[in-house]
């Protein structure tokens, strides 16, 4: 896959009903509806992605990382992408039966995602803990064959040792399979394991700051 540039922009204007409570707040803060609407928040970035890249969106909570991730997801062709949060959790099959492939390859995929405990592998996805569910969804994404994998709150529900192991495995998978990962998290402790080619720092105000670590960009 050749490099592709994506221009992302999303504006959130104020269009709520002018209720008595809203009017009271406006009065208390000396605001007008016109000033409120003029203060619309715009999140934007222009980013270039190549095969095998990891794009890591980071920054403070509420800065707009998830907005940019969702908008970038919408910009990618439907046949090429998968979002971890959208992967369903079934309750009538074991994890090992929910991923395509022979038994050995499925176990390998689950292990890459940090699920190697036999009880987890033989349990249904819906009965797993939150951290295990996250890792199951990652395993499903790795086995999907999609060229773009999107994950919000990347490894946020995992303990940091497990998160580092998963991040390291994601790095190897991206490189070996030419898969692009777009990941968002307020944590920056996984950068040394992920080694992302593209780092997007989304500040609370203003355009995103893009840092490219690879000369191919």
C-alpha atoms as a PDB file:
ATOM      1  CA  UNK A   1       0.000   0.000   0.000  1.00  0.00           C
ATOM      2  CA  UNK A   2       1.454   3.346  -1.049  1.00  0.00           C
ATOM      3  CA  UNK A   3       1.426   6.252   1.359  1.00  0.00           C
ATOM      4  CA  UNK A   4      -1.899   8.055   1.627  1.00  0.00           C
ATOM      5  CA  UNK A   5      -2.590  11.488   3.061  1.00  0.00           C
ATOM      6  CA  UNK A   6      -5.758  12.091   5.067  1.00  0.00           C
ATOM      7  CA  UNK A   7      -7.161  15.535   5.833  1.00  0.00           C
ATOM      8  CA  UNK A   8      -9.456  15.270   8.845  1.00  0.00           C
ATOM      9  CA  UNK A   9     -11.669  18.030  10.232  1.00  0.00           C
ATOM     10  CA  UNK A  10     -14.646  17.942  12.587  1.00  0.00           C
ATOM     11  CA  UNK A  11     -16.420  20.952  14.066  1.00  0.00           C
ATOM     12  CA  UNK A  12     -18.734  20.852  17.060  1.00  0.00           C
ATOM     13  CA  UNK A  13     -21.061  23.830  17.113  1.00  0.00           C
ATOM     14  CA  UNK A  14     -23.605  24.718  19.800  1.00  0.00           C
ATOM     15  CA  UNK A  15     -27.162  23.930  18.703  1.00  0.00           C
ATOM     16  CA  UNK A  16     -28.930  22.962  21.909  1.00  0.00           C
ATOM     17  CA  UNK A  17     -32.378  24.301  22.930  1.00  0.00           C
ATOM     18  CA  UNK A  18     -32.339  27.628  24.763  1.00  0.00           C
ATOM     19  CA  UNK A  19     -34.036  26.429  27.957  1.00  0.00           C
ATOM     20  CA  UNK A  20     -34.517  28.453  31.132  1.00  0.00           C
ATOM     21  CA  UNK A  21     -31.548  26.700  32.756  1.00  0.00           C
ATOM     22  CA  UNK A  22     -29.321  27.365  29.744  1.00  0.00           C
ATOM     23  CA  UNK A  23     -30.377  31.024  29.787  1.00  0.00           C
ATOM     24  CA  UNK A  24     -29.564  31.162  33.500  1.00  0.00           C
ATOM     25  CA  UNK A  25     -26.056  29.803  32.932  1.00  0.00           C
ATOM     26  CA  UNK A  26     -25.478  32.236  30.063  1.00  0.00           C
ATOM     27  CA  UNK A  27     -26.552  35.116  32.276  1.00  0.00           C
ATOM     28  CA  UNK A  28     -24.386  33.972  35.183  1.00  0.00           C
ATOM     29  CA  UNK A  29     -21.279  33.845  32.982  1.00  0.00           C
ATOM     30  CA  UNK A  30     -22.057  36.966  30.966  1.00  0.00           C
ATOM     31  CA  UNK A  31     -22.374  34.962  27.751  1.00  0.00           C
ATOM     32  CA  UNK A  32     -24.670  35.304  24.763  1.00  0.00           C
ATOM     33  CA  UNK A  33     -25.900  32.636  22.390  1.00  0.00           C
ATOM     34  CA  UNK A  34     -23.980  34.327  19.581  1.00  0.00           C
ATOM     35  CA  UNK A  35     -20.694  34.170  21.508  1.00  0.00           C
ATOM     36  CA  UNK A  36     -21.375  30.553  22.433  1.00  0.00           C
ATOM     37  CA  UNK A  37     -21.958  29.577  18.804  1.00  0.00           C
ATOM     38  CA  UNK A  38     -18.908  31.535  17.690  1.00  0.00           C
ATOM     39  CA  UNK A  39     -16.769  29.446  20.049  1.00  0.00           C
ATOM     40  CA  UNK A  40     -17.339  26.230  18.092  1.00  0.00           C
ATOM     41  CA  UNK A  41     -14.609  23.656  18.617  1.00  0.00           C
ATOM     42  CA  UNK A  42     -12.804  22.310  15.545  1.00  0.00           C
ATOM     43  CA  UNK A  43     -10.564  19.245  15.639  1.00  0.00           C
ATOM     44  CA  UNK A  44      -8.373  18.733  12.590  1.00  0.00           C
ATOM     45  CA  UNK A  45      -5.209  17.143  11.290  1.00  0.00           C
ATOM     46  CA  UNK A  46      -3.537  16.122   8.055  1.00  0.00           C
ATOM     47  CA  UNK A  47      -1.637  12.878   8.365  1.00  0.00           C
ATOM     48  CA  UNK A  48       0.223  10.594   5.966  1.00  0.00           C
ATOM     49  CA  UNK A  49       0.140   6.835   6.545  1.00  0.00           C
ATOM     50  CA  UNK A  50       2.123   4.040   4.889  1.00  0.00           C
ATOM     51  CA  UNK A  51       1.875   0.246   5.001  1.00  0.00           C
ATOM     52  CA  UNK A  52       2.928  -1.162   8.366  1.00  0.00           C
ATOM     53  CA  UNK A  53       2.678   2.187  10.158  1.00  0.00           C
ATOM     54  CA  UNK A  54       1.498   2.630  13.699  1.00  0.00           C
ATOM     55  CA  UNK A  55      -0.206   5.982  14.188  1.00  0.00           C
ATOM     56  CA  UNK A  56      -0.487   6.871  17.881  1.00  0.00           C
ATOM     57  CA  UNK A  57      -2.847   9.645  18.933  1.00  0.00           C
ATOM     58  CA  UNK A  58      -2.093  10.972  22.389  1.00  0.00           C
ATOM     59  CA  UNK A  59      -2.690  14.022  24.531  1.00  0.00           C
ATOM     60  CA  UNK A  60      -4.798  15.084  27.517  1.00  0.00           C
ATOM     61  CA  UNK A  61      -8.260  13.693  28.175  1.00  0.00           C
ATOM     62  CA  UNK A  62     -10.915  15.724  26.349  1.00  0.00           C
ATOM     63  CA  UNK A  63      -8.451  17.011  23.757  1.00  0.00           C
ATOM     64  CA  UNK A  64     -10.134  15.335  20.797  1.00  0.00           C
ATOM     65  CA  UNK A  65      -8.110  12.142  20.245  1.00  0.00           C
ATOM     66  CA  UNK A  66     -11.206   9.976  19.910  1.00  0.00           C
ATOM     67  CA  UNK A  67     -12.792  12.472  17.508  1.00  0.00           C
ATOM     68  CA  UNK A  68      -9.786  12.352  15.178  1.00  0.00           C
ATOM     69  CA  UNK A  69      -9.630   8.561  15.383  1.00  0.00           C
ATOM     70  CA  UNK A  70     -13.316   8.214  14.460  1.00  0.00           C
ATOM     71  CA  UNK A  71     -13.038  10.711  11.600  1.00  0.00           C
ATOM     72  CA  UNK A  72      -9.968   8.925  10.234  1.00  0.00           C
ATOM     73  CA  UNK A  73     -11.851   5.628  10.508  1.00  0.00           C
ATOM     74  CA  UNK A  74     -14.674   7.114   8.406  1.00  0.00           C
ATOM     75  CA  UNK A  75     -12.151   8.242   5.780  1.00  0.00           C
ATOM     76  CA  UNK A  76     -10.847   4.707   5.155  1.00  0.00           C
ATOM     77  CA  UNK A  77     -12.615   2.349   2.739  1.00  0.00           C
ATOM     78  CA  UNK A  78     -15.121   0.080   4.482  1.00  0.00           C
ATOM     79  CA  UNK A  79     -13.528  -3.132   3.177  1.00  0.00           C
ATOM     80  CA  UNK A  80     -10.126  -2.208   4.609  1.00  0.00           C
ATOM     81  CA  UNK A  81     -10.889  -1.392   8.247  1.00  0.00           C
ATOM     82  CA  UNK A  82     -11.988  -2.727  11.599  1.00  0.00           C
ATOM     83  CA  UNK A  83     -12.660  -0.931  14.892  1.00  0.00           C
ATOM     84  CA  UNK A  84     -12.024  -2.830  18.118  1.00  0.00           C
ATOM     85  CA  UNK A  85     -14.978  -1.273  19.933  1.00  0.00           C
ATOM     86  CA  UNK A  86     -17.392  -2.543  17.261  1.00  0.00           C
ATOM     87  CA  UNK A  87     -16.437  -6.224  17.600  1.00  0.00           C
ATOM     88  CA  UNK A  88     -19.285  -8.152  19.194  1.00  0.00           C
ATOM     89  CA  UNK A  89     -18.912 -10.513  22.156  1.00  0.00           C
ATOM     90  CA  UNK A  90     -20.748 -13.802  21.773  1.00  0.00           C
ATOM     91  CA  UNK A  91     -21.843 -15.921  24.715  1.00  0.00           C
ATOM     92  CA  UNK A  92     -22.490 -19.293  23.067  1.00  0.00           C
ATOM     93  CA  UNK A  93     -19.024 -20.218  21.785  1.00  0.00           C
ATOM     94  CA  UNK A  94     -15.548 -20.420  23.288  1.00  0.00           C
ATOM     95  CA  UNK A  95     -12.984 -17.794  22.267  1.00  0.00           C
ATOM     96  CA  UNK A  96     -11.012 -20.388  20.326  1.00  0.00           C
ATOM     97  CA  UNK A  97     -14.093 -21.068  18.175  1.00  0.00           C
ATOM     98  CA  UNK A  98     -14.740 -17.390  17.443  1.00  0.00           C
ATOM     99  CA  UNK A  99     -11.597 -16.752  15.417  1.00  0.00           C
ATOM    100  CA  UNK A 100     -10.998 -18.147  11.927  1.00  0.00           C
ATOM    101  CA  UNK A 101      -8.147 -20.591  11.404  1.00  0.00           C
ATOM    102  CA  UNK A 102      -6.898 -23.930  12.649  1.00  0.00           C
ATOM    103  CA  UNK A 103      -6.409 -24.516  16.366  1.00  0.00           C
ATOM    104  CA  UNK A 104      -2.676 -23.719  16.412  1.00  0.00           C
ATOM    105  CA  UNK A 105      -2.981 -20.489  14.422  1.00  0.00           C
ATOM    106  CA  UNK A 106      -5.896 -19.321  16.579  1.00  0.00           C
ATOM    107  CA  UNK A 107      -3.939 -20.000  19.776  1.00  0.00           C
ATOM    108  CA  UNK A 108      -1.041 -18.021  18.311  1.00  0.00           C
ATOM    109  CA  UNK A 109      -3.309 -15.073  17.505  1.00  0.00           C
ATOM    110  CA  UNK A 110      -4.873 -15.112  20.972  1.00  0.00           C
ATOM    111  CA  UNK A 111      -1.410 -15.244  22.526  1.00  0.00           C
ATOM    112  CA  UNK A 112      -0.278 -12.232  20.463  1.00  0.00           C
ATOM    113  CA  UNK A 113      -3.182 -10.315  21.953  1.00  0.00           C
ATOM    114  CA  UNK A 114      -2.244 -11.407  25.474  1.00  0.00           C
ATOM    115  CA  UNK A 115      -4.782 -14.227  25.910  1.00  0.00           C
ATOM    116  CA  UNK A 116      -2.847 -17.425  26.599  1.00  0.00           C
ATOM    117  CA  UNK A 117      -4.607 -18.682  29.727  1.00  0.00           C
ATOM    118  CA  UNK A 118      -6.495 -21.910  28.926  1.00  0.00           C
ATOM    119  CA  UNK A 119      -9.551 -20.828  30.935  1.00  0.00           C
ATOM    120  CA  UNK A 120      -9.813 -17.620  28.903  1.00  0.00           C
ATOM    121  CA  UNK A 121      -9.325 -19.455  25.620  1.00  0.00           C
ATOM    122  CA  UNK A 122     -12.090 -21.945  26.452  1.00  0.00           C
ATOM    123  CA  UNK A 123     -14.492 -19.371  27.922  1.00  0.00           C
ATOM    124  CA  UNK A 124     -16.956 -17.380  25.827  1.00  0.00           C
ATOM    125  CA  UNK A 125     -15.952 -13.768  25.035  1.00  0.00           C
ATOM    126  CA  UNK A 126     -19.006 -12.321  26.800  1.00  0.00           C
ATOM    127  CA  UNK A 127     -17.983 -13.877  30.139  1.00  0.00           C
ATOM    128  CA  UNK A 128     -14.430 -12.508  30.184  1.00  0.00           C
ATOM    129  CA  UNK A 129     -13.230  -9.609  32.322  1.00  0.00           C
ATOM    130  CA  UNK A 130     -13.041  -6.157  30.746  1.00  0.00           C
ATOM    131  CA  UNK A 131      -9.306  -6.445  30.129  1.00  0.00           C
ATOM    132  CA  UNK A 132      -9.714  -9.923  28.650  1.00  0.00           C
ATOM    133  CA  UNK A 133     -12.551  -8.721  26.417  1.00  0.00           C
ATOM    134  CA  UNK A 134     -10.266  -6.002  25.101  1.00  0.00           C
ATOM    135  CA  UNK A 135      -7.567  -8.547  24.288  1.00  0.00           C
ATOM    136  CA  UNK A 136     -10.093 -10.867  22.635  1.00  0.00           C
ATOM    137  CA  UNK A 137     -11.279  -8.013  20.416  1.00  0.00           C
ATOM    138  CA  UNK A 138      -7.679  -7.279  19.495  1.00  0.00           C
ATOM    139  CA  UNK A 139      -7.167 -10.941  18.569  1.00  0.00           C
ATOM    140  CA  UNK A 140     -10.269 -10.805  16.353  1.00  0.00           C
ATOM    141  CA  UNK A 141      -8.917  -7.697  14.683  1.00  0.00           C
ATOM    142  CA  UNK A 142      -5.511  -9.292  14.089  1.00  0.00           C
ATOM    143  CA  UNK A 143      -7.208 -12.291  12.447  1.00  0.00           C
ATOM    144  CA  UNK A 144      -9.593 -10.169  10.356  1.00  0.00           C
ATOM    145  CA  UNK A 145      -7.271  -9.618   7.413  1.00  0.00           C
ATOM    146  CA  UNK A 146      -8.107  -5.906   7.409  1.00  0.00           C
ATOM    147  CA  UNK A 147      -5.370  -3.452   6.421  1.00  0.00           C
ATOM    148  CA  UNK A 148      -6.391  -0.827   9.001  1.00  0.00           C
ATOM    149  CA  UNK A 149      -7.016  -1.600  12.671  1.00  0.00           C
ATOM    150  CA  UNK A 150      -8.430   1.171  14.877  1.00  0.00           C
ATOM    151  CA  UNK A 151      -8.417   1.085  18.674  1.00  0.00           C
ATOM    152  CA  UNK A 152      -9.512   3.836  21.038  1.00  0.00           C
ATOM    153  CA  UNK A 153      -8.224   3.815  24.629  1.00  0.00           C
ATOM    154  CA  UNK A 154      -5.493   1.432  23.487  1.00  0.00           C
ATOM    155  CA  UNK A 155      -4.632  -0.971  26.337  1.00  0.00           C
ATOM    156  CA  UNK A 156      -6.078   1.484  28.880  1.00  0.00           C
ATOM    157  CA  UNK A 157      -7.932  -1.312  30.681  1.00  0.00           C
ATOM    158  CA  UNK A 158      -4.825  -3.493  31.015  1.00  0.00           C
ATOM    159  CA  UNK A 159      -2.168  -3.525  33.695  1.00  0.00           C
ATOM    160  CA  UNK A 160       0.914  -1.796  32.384  1.00  0.00           C
ATOM    161  CA  UNK A 161       3.102  -4.921  32.149  1.00  0.00           C
ATOM    162  CA  UNK A 162       0.489  -6.717  30.037  1.00  0.00           C
ATOM    163  CA  UNK A 163      -0.074  -3.535  28.029  1.00  0.00           C
ATOM    164  CA  UNK A 164       3.655  -3.338  27.224  1.00  0.00           C
ATOM    165  CA  UNK A 165       3.710  -6.961  26.036  1.00  0.00           C
ATOM    166  CA  UNK A 166       0.635  -6.425  23.842  1.00  0.00           C
ATOM    167  CA  UNK A 167       2.110  -3.199  22.436  1.00  0.00           C
ATOM    168  CA  UNK A 168       5.340  -5.010  21.557  1.00  0.00           C
ATOM    169  CA  UNK A 169       3.364  -7.733  19.758  1.00  0.00           C
ATOM    170  CA  UNK A 170       1.321  -5.140  17.871  1.00  0.00           C
ATOM    171  CA  UNK A 171       4.551  -3.519  16.699  1.00  0.00           C
ATOM    172  CA  UNK A 172       5.816  -6.819  15.283  1.00  0.00           C
ATOM    173  CA  UNK A 173       2.466  -7.654  13.698  1.00  0.00           C
ATOM    174  CA  UNK A 174       2.229  -4.280  11.937  1.00  0.00           C
ATOM    175  CA  UNK A 175       5.713  -4.630  10.485  1.00  0.00           C
ATOM    176  CA  UNK A 176       5.380  -8.262   9.424  1.00  0.00           C
ATOM    177  CA  UNK A 177       1.907  -7.945   7.903  1.00  0.00           C
ATOM    178  CA  UNK A 178       1.888  -4.393   6.468  1.00  0.00           C
ATOM    179  CA  UNK A 179      -1.116  -3.552   8.626  1.00  0.00           C
ATOM    180  CA  UNK A 180      -1.738   0.066   9.694  1.00  0.00           C
ATOM    181  CA  UNK A 181      -2.739   0.570  13.323  1.00  0.00           C
ATOM    182  CA  UNK A 182      -4.417   3.787  14.424  1.00  0.00           C
ATOM    183  CA  UNK A 183      -4.404   3.870  18.223  1.00  0.00           C
ATOM    184  CA  UNK A 184      -5.528   6.505  20.706  1.00  0.00           C
ATOM    185  CA  UNK A 185      -4.649   6.805  24.381  1.00  0.00           C
ATOM    186  CA  UNK A 186      -3.780   9.419  26.989  1.00  0.00           C
ATOM    187  CA  UNK A 187      -0.980   7.108  28.170  1.00  0.00           C
ATOM    188  CA  UNK A 188       2.472   7.629  26.686  1.00  0.00           C
ATOM    189  CA  UNK A 189       4.236   4.807  28.526  1.00  0.00           C
ATOM    190  CA  UNK A 190       3.868   2.400  25.584  1.00  0.00           C
ATOM    191  CA  UNK A 191       5.797   4.439  23.031  1.00  0.00           C
ATOM    192  CA  UNK A 192       9.037   2.514  23.539  1.00  0.00           C
ATOM    193  CA  UNK A 193       7.215  -0.768  22.854  1.00  0.00           C
ATOM    194  CA  UNK A 194       4.997   0.438  20.002  1.00  0.00           C
ATOM    195  CA  UNK A 195       7.694   2.521  18.271  1.00  0.00           C
ATOM    196  CA  UNK A 196       5.026   4.340  16.214  1.00  0.00           C
ATOM    197  CA  UNK A 197       6.048   5.873  12.901  1.00  0.00           C
ATOM    198  CA  UNK A 198       3.472   8.640  13.377  1.00  0.00           C
ATOM    199  CA  UNK A 199       2.706  10.372  16.667  1.00  0.00           C
ATOM    200  CA  UNK A 200      -0.238  12.749  16.790  1.00  0.00           C
ATOM    201  CA  UNK A 201      -0.267  15.010  19.846  1.00  0.00           C
ATOM    202  CA  UNK A 202      -3.743  16.485  20.234  1.00  0.00           C
ATOM    203  CA  UNK A 203      -3.698  19.509  22.504  1.00  0.00           C
ATOM    204  CA  UNK A 204      -6.791  20.885  24.194  1.00  0.00           C
ATOM    205  CA  UNK A 205      -6.865  23.756  21.724  1.00  0.00           C
ATOM    206  CA  UNK A 206      -5.559  24.156  18.199  1.00  0.00           C
ATOM    207  CA  UNK A 207      -4.518  21.827  15.417  1.00  0.00           C
ATOM    208  CA  UNK A 208      -2.888  18.485  16.135  1.00  0.00           C
ATOM    209  CA  UNK A 209       0.913  18.293  16.211  1.00  0.00           C
ATOM    210  CA  UNK A 210       2.214  15.537  13.887  1.00  0.00           C
ATOM    211  CA  UNK A 211       5.603  13.891  14.455  1.00  0.00           C
ATOM    212  CA  UNK A 212       6.965  11.469  11.842  1.00  0.00           C
ATOM    213  CA  UNK A 213       9.649   9.026  12.991  1.00  0.00           C
ATOM    214  CA  UNK A 214      10.266   7.371   9.616  1.00  0.00           C
ATOM    215  CA  UNK A 215      12.056   9.022   6.675  1.00  0.00           C
ATOM    216  CA  UNK A 216       9.634   7.405   4.183  1.00  0.00           C
ATOM    217  CA  UNK A 217       7.046  10.044   5.138  1.00  0.00           C
END
